[in-house]
Amino acid sequence: MKEYDAQGDIHIVDIQEEKKIVFEWAGNHKVTISFTQEETGSTIVGVKEEGFDKDNEHVINELVDNKEGWVYMLTCLKGYMEYGVNLRASLVK
C-alpha cells in the first residue's frame, strides 16, 4: 500500500478459481472475497472480513475504516477492469 506507506503479509487459505479467495492478514483477520456470476454477465464481488475484537472500545471505528478501505479497493478495481483507469491514491486520507 504505497499510498499509505504501509505493508503487511497475507497468508492464502483457499483459492477456488472464479468462486472465491480466502486469506488471513493483520493477525487474526480472515477475509473471504467471493465472486458470483449473474445471468446478465455481470459479476457480484462480496467481501467478508472476520476477526474484529467486539470488546475493543474502538471496534466501530475499525469496522468503518475497513469498510471504507474495501469500498475504495473495489472502486479502484472496477475502474481499472472496466475502463482502464487508475484511481489509486485519489482518496488518501
C-alpha atoms as a PDB file:
ATOM      1  CA  MET A   1       0.000   0.000   0.000  1.00  0.00           C
ATOM      2  CA  LYS A   2       2.369   2.621  -1.290  1.00  0.00           C
ATOM      3  CA  GLU A   3      -0.205   5.410  -0.840  1.00  0.00           C
ATOM      4  CA  TYR A   4      -0.247   4.860   2.916  1.00  0.00           C
ATOM      5  CA  ASP A   5       3.438   3.961   3.333  1.00  0.00           C
ATOM      6  CA  ALA A   6       2.234   0.627   4.722  1.00  0.00           C
ATOM      7  CA  GLN A   7       2.971  -3.019   4.104  1.00  0.00           C
ATOM      8  CA  GLY A   8       1.938  -6.350   5.542  1.00  0.00           C
ATOM      9  CA  ASP A   9       1.917 -10.053   4.960  1.00  0.00           C
ATOM     10  CA  ILE A  10      -1.044 -12.179   3.966  1.00  0.00           C
ATOM     11  CA  HIS A  11      -1.480 -15.929   4.174  1.00  0.00           C
ATOM     12  CA  ILE A  12      -3.557 -17.523   1.410  1.00  0.00           C
ATOM     13  CA  VAL A  13      -6.007 -20.023   2.918  1.00  0.00           C
ATOM     14  CA  ASP A  14      -8.041 -21.043  -0.141  1.00  0.00           C
ATOM     15  CA  ILE A  15      -8.485 -20.138  -3.793  1.00  0.00           C
ATOM     16  CA  GLN A  16     -11.303 -21.502  -5.913  1.00  0.00           C
ATOM     17  CA  GLU A  17     -10.985 -20.175  -9.446  1.00  0.00           C
ATOM     18  CA  GLU A  18     -13.848 -17.836 -10.391  1.00  0.00           C
ATOM     19  CA  LYS A  19     -15.521 -18.508  -7.000  1.00  0.00           C
ATOM     20  CA  LYS A  20     -13.540 -17.178  -4.023  1.00  0.00           C
ATOM     21  CA  ILE A  21     -10.260 -16.159  -2.436  1.00  0.00           C
ATOM     22  CA  VAL A  22      -9.707 -16.596   1.301  1.00  0.00           C
ATOM     23  CA  PHE A  23      -6.726 -15.119   3.134  1.00  0.00           C
ATOM     24  CA  GLU A  24      -5.619 -14.101   6.607  1.00  0.00           C
ATOM     25  CA  TRP A  25      -3.917 -10.838   7.483  1.00  0.00           C
ATOM     26  CA  ALA A  26      -3.363  -8.376  10.325  1.00  0.00           C
ATOM     27  CA  GLY A  27      -3.018 -11.141  12.882  1.00  0.00           C
ATOM     28  CA  ASN A  28      -6.359 -12.859  13.214  1.00  0.00           C
ATOM     29  CA  HIS A  29      -8.328 -11.278  10.373  1.00  0.00           C
ATOM     30  CA  LYS A  30      -9.785 -13.688   7.824  1.00  0.00           C
ATOM     31  CA  VAL A  31     -11.063 -12.248   4.552  1.00  0.00           C
ATOM     32  CA  THR A  32     -13.275 -14.072   2.072  1.00  0.00           C
ATOM     33  CA  ILE A  33     -13.739 -12.466  -1.330  1.00  0.00           C
ATOM     34  CA  SER A  34     -16.479 -14.199  -3.314  1.00  0.00           C
ATOM     35  CA  PHE A  35     -17.374 -13.908  -6.989  1.00  0.00           C
ATOM     36  CA  THR A  36     -20.927 -14.646  -8.142  1.00  0.00           C
ATOM     37  CA  GLN A  37     -21.711 -14.719 -11.848  1.00  0.00           C
ATOM     38  CA  GLU A  38     -25.066 -13.194 -12.747  1.00  0.00           C
ATOM     39  CA  GLU A  39     -27.162 -14.302 -15.722  1.00  0.00           C
ATOM     40  CA  THR A  40     -26.673 -10.827 -17.196  1.00  0.00           C
ATOM     41  CA  GLY A  41     -22.926 -11.453 -17.492  1.00  0.00           C
ATOM     42  CA  SER A  42     -22.111  -9.249 -14.511  1.00  0.00           C
ATOM     43  CA  THR A  43     -20.077 -10.434 -11.550  1.00  0.00           C
ATOM     44  CA  ILE A  44     -21.040  -9.648  -7.960  1.00  0.00           C
ATOM     45  CA  VAL A  45     -17.996  -9.301  -5.680  1.00  0.00           C
ATOM     46  CA  GLY A  46     -18.584  -9.849  -1.975  1.00  0.00           C
ATOM     47  CA  VAL A  47     -16.141  -9.213   0.860  1.00  0.00           C
ATOM     48  CA  LYS A  48     -16.476 -10.665   4.354  1.00  0.00           C
ATOM     49  CA  GLU A  49     -13.830  -9.850   6.954  1.00  0.00           C
ATOM     50  CA  GLU A  50     -13.763 -11.615  10.311  1.00  0.00           C
ATOM     51  CA  GLY A  51     -11.573 -11.277  13.378  1.00  0.00           C
ATOM     52  CA  PHE A  52     -12.562  -7.970  14.929  1.00  0.00           C
ATOM     53  CA  ASP A  53     -12.481  -7.797  18.732  1.00  0.00           C
ATOM     54  CA  LYS A  54     -16.053  -6.975  19.730  1.00  0.00           C
ATOM     55  CA  ASP A  55     -14.850  -5.981  23.205  1.00  0.00           C
ATOM     56  CA  ASN A  56     -12.461  -3.340  21.853  1.00  0.00           C
ATOM     57  CA  GLU A  57     -13.873   0.113  22.573  1.00  0.00           C
ATOM     58  CA  HIS A  58     -12.700   1.252  19.114  1.00  0.00           C
ATOM     59  CA  VAL A  59     -14.229  -1.658  17.174  1.00  0.00           C
ATOM     60  CA  ILE A  60     -16.853   0.534  15.460  1.00  0.00           C
ATOM     61  CA  ASN A  61     -14.139   2.863  14.134  1.00  0.00           C
ATOM     62  CA  GLU A  62     -12.139  -0.161  12.938  1.00  0.00           C
ATOM     63  CA  LEU A  63     -15.188  -1.588  11.160  1.00  0.00           C
ATOM     64  CA  VAL A  64     -15.938   1.736   9.454  1.00  0.00           C
ATOM     65  CA  ASP A  65     -12.290   2.206   8.402  1.00  0.00           C
ATOM     66  CA  ASN A  66     -12.107  -1.311   6.966  1.00  0.00           C
ATOM     67  CA  LYS A  67     -15.455  -0.907   5.190  1.00  0.00           C
ATOM     68  CA  GLU A  68     -14.191   2.302   3.603  1.00  0.00           C
ATOM     69  CA  GLY A  69     -10.983   0.531   2.618  1.00  0.00           C
ATOM     70  CA  TRP A  70     -12.837  -2.279   0.860  1.00  0.00           C
ATOM     71  CA  VAL A  71     -15.145   0.164  -0.924  1.00  0.00           C
ATOM     72  CA  TYR A  72     -12.072   2.112  -2.094  1.00  0.00           C
ATOM     73  CA  MET A  73     -10.276  -1.034  -3.269  1.00  0.00           C
ATOM     74  CA  LEU A  74     -13.315  -2.377  -5.132  1.00  0.00           C
ATOM     75  CA  THR A  75     -13.984   1.013  -6.734  1.00  0.00           C
ATOM     76  CA  CYS A  76     -10.389   1.167  -7.956  1.00  0.00           C
ATOM     77  CA  LEU A  77     -10.617  -2.398  -9.270  1.00  0.00           C
ATOM     78  CA  LYS A  78     -13.859  -1.638 -11.132  1.00  0.00           C
ATOM     79  CA  GLY A  79     -12.385   1.492 -12.698  1.00  0.00           C
ATOM     80  CA  TYR A  80      -9.326  -0.417 -13.834  1.00  0.00           C
ATOM     81  CA  MET A  81     -11.135  -3.546 -15.073  1.00  0.00           C
ATOM     82  CA  GLU A  82     -13.941  -1.760 -16.906  1.00  0.00           C
ATOM     83  CA  TYR A  83     -12.293   1.462 -18.095  1.00  0.00           C
ATOM     84  CA  GLY A  84      -8.532   1.031 -17.741  1.00  0.00           C
ATOM     85  CA  VAL A  85      -8.458   3.971 -15.302  1.00  0.00           C
ATOM     86  CA  ASN A  86      -6.065   4.018 -12.334  1.00  0.00           C
ATOM     87  CA  LEU A  87      -7.945   5.504  -9.374  1.00  0.00           C
ATOM     88  CA  ARG A  88      -5.428   4.541  -6.686  1.00  0.00           C
ATOM     89  CA  ALA A  89      -4.191   7.282  -4.355  1.00  0.00           C
ATOM     90  CA  SER A  90      -7.101   9.551  -5.214  1.00  0.00           C
ATOM     91  CA  LEU A  91      -8.857   9.089  -1.871  1.00  0.00           C
ATOM     92  CA  VAL A  92      -5.973   9.005   0.602  1.00  0.00           C
ATOM     93  CA  LYS A  93      -6.966  10.394   4.000  1.00  0.00           C
END
